[in-house]
C-alpha atoms as a PDB file:
ATOM      1  CA  UNK A   1      -2.048  22.310  29.709  1.00  0.00           C
ATOM      2  CA  UNK A   2       0.647  21.679  27.443  1.00  0.00           C
ATOM      3  CA  UNK A   3       1.805  18.906  24.834  1.00  0.00           C
ATOM      4  CA  UNK A   4       5.687  18.028  25.121  1.00  0.00           C
ATOM      5  CA  UNK A   5       8.285  16.572  23.170  1.00  0.00           C
ATOM      6  CA  UNK A   6       9.593  13.658  25.732  1.00  0.00           C
ATOM      7  CA  UNK A   7      12.991  15.468  25.797  1.00  0.00           C
ATOM      8  CA  UNK A   8      11.245  18.790  26.420  1.00  0.00           C
ATOM      9  CA  UNK A   9      12.954  20.422  23.328  1.00  0.00           C
ATOM     10  CA  UNK A  10       9.576  21.641  22.552  1.00  0.00           C
ATOM     11  CA  UNK A  11       6.155  22.395  23.768  1.00  0.00           C
ATOM     12  CA  UNK A  12       2.699  23.235  22.753  1.00  0.00           C
ATOM     13  CA  UNK A  13       0.044  25.149  24.975  1.00  0.00           C
ATOM     14  CA  UNK A  14      -3.475  23.733  24.853  1.00  0.00           C
ATOM     15  CA  UNK A  15      -5.215  25.859  26.821  1.00  0.00           C
ATOM     16  CA  UNK A  16      -6.434  26.504  30.616  1.00  0.00           C
ATOM     17  CA  UNK A  17      -7.586  23.535  32.711  1.00  0.00           C
ATOM     18  CA  UNK A  18     -10.467  24.639  35.036  1.00  0.00           C
ATOM     19  CA  UNK A  19     -11.365  21.647  37.229  1.00  0.00           C
ATOM     20  CA  UNK A  20     -10.245  17.964  37.444  1.00  0.00           C
ATOM     21  CA  UNK A  21     -11.075  17.044  33.806  1.00  0.00           C
ATOM     22  CA  UNK A  22     -10.758  19.030  30.370  1.00  0.00           C
ATOM     23  CA  UNK A  23     -11.429  18.740  26.402  1.00  0.00           C
ATOM     24  CA  UNK A  24      -9.114  20.639  24.235  1.00  0.00           C
ATOM     25  CA  UNK A  25      -8.793  21.088  20.645  1.00  0.00           C
ATOM     26  CA  UNK A  26      -5.566  20.232  19.173  1.00  0.00           C
ATOM     27  CA  UNK A  27      -3.741  22.261  16.618  1.00  0.00           C
ATOM     28  CA  UNK A  28      -4.093  21.094  13.066  1.00  0.00           C
ATOM     29  CA  UNK A  29      -1.269  18.767  11.843  1.00  0.00           C
ATOM     30  CA  UNK A  30       0.094  18.257  15.335  1.00  0.00           C
ATOM     31  CA  UNK A  31       2.141  15.077  15.465  1.00  0.00           C
ATOM     32  CA  UNK A  32       1.131  13.299  18.656  1.00  0.00           C
ATOM     33  CA  UNK A  33       3.997  10.701  18.568  1.00  0.00           C
ATOM     34  CA  UNK A  34       6.153  13.770  18.677  1.00  0.00           C
ATOM     35  CA  UNK A  35       4.487  15.731  21.329  1.00  0.00           C
ATOM     36  CA  UNK A  36       3.629  12.627  23.478  1.00  0.00           C
ATOM     37  CA  UNK A  37       3.692  14.058  26.837  1.00  0.00           C
ATOM     38  CA  UNK A  38       0.975  16.015  28.721  1.00  0.00           C
ATOM     39  CA  UNK A  39       1.975  18.508  31.142  1.00  0.00           C
ATOM     40  CA  UNK A  40      -0.207  20.366  33.698  1.00  0.00           C
ATOM     41  CA  UNK A  41       1.603  23.342  35.279  1.00  0.00           C
ATOM     42  CA  UNK A  42       0.690  26.358  37.845  1.00  0.00           C
ATOM     43  CA  UNK A  43       0.636  29.423  35.591  1.00  0.00           C
ATOM     44  CA  UNK A  44       0.403  33.079  36.683  1.00  0.00           C
ATOM     45  CA  UNK A  45      -2.013  35.084  34.673  1.00  0.00           C
ATOM     46  CA  UNK A  46       0.747  37.790  33.931  1.00  0.00           C
ATOM     47  CA  UNK A  47       0.707  38.155  30.393  1.00  0.00           C
ATOM     48  CA  UNK A  48       3.655  35.709  29.592  1.00  0.00           C
ATOM     49  CA  UNK A  49       2.546  32.980  27.503  1.00  0.00           C
ATOM     50  CA  UNK A  50       5.724  30.818  28.365  1.00  0.00           C
ATOM     51  CA  UNK A  51       5.613  27.522  30.548  1.00  0.00           C
ATOM     52  CA  UNK A  52       6.359  28.656  34.274  1.00  0.00           C
ATOM     53  CA  UNK A  53       8.497  25.886  34.782  1.00  0.00           C
ATOM     54  CA  UNK A  54       6.372  24.509  37.812  1.00  0.00           C
ATOM     55  CA  UNK A  55       4.645  21.393  36.613  1.00  0.00           C
ATOM     56  CA  UNK A  56       2.085  19.855  38.809  1.00  0.00           C
ATOM     57  CA  UNK A  57       1.802  16.558  36.866  1.00  0.00           C
ATOM     58  CA  UNK A  58       3.592  15.112  33.832  1.00  0.00           C
ATOM     59  CA  UNK A  59       2.961  11.828  32.022  1.00  0.00           C
ATOM     60  CA  UNK A  60       2.647  10.225  28.489  1.00  0.00           C
ATOM     61  CA  UNK A  61      -0.322  10.933  26.501  1.00  0.00           C
ATOM     62  CA  UNK A  62      -2.805   8.126  26.651  1.00  0.00           C
ATOM     63  CA  UNK A  63      -4.935   8.282  23.564  1.00  0.00           C
END
């Protein structure tokens, strides 16, 4: 799970989603107006913490 800026110029990893729903702690001070897009991506557990570029679903954050 990731939060992204709408122009994809920045992203914040939230953690691994295990199942159809999840709850994640947000980093302190994270501006949800700035990081307003939710992204679920398919990631390999290969030690590379970067986004794989393979998004399964992406959309606006609904608070």
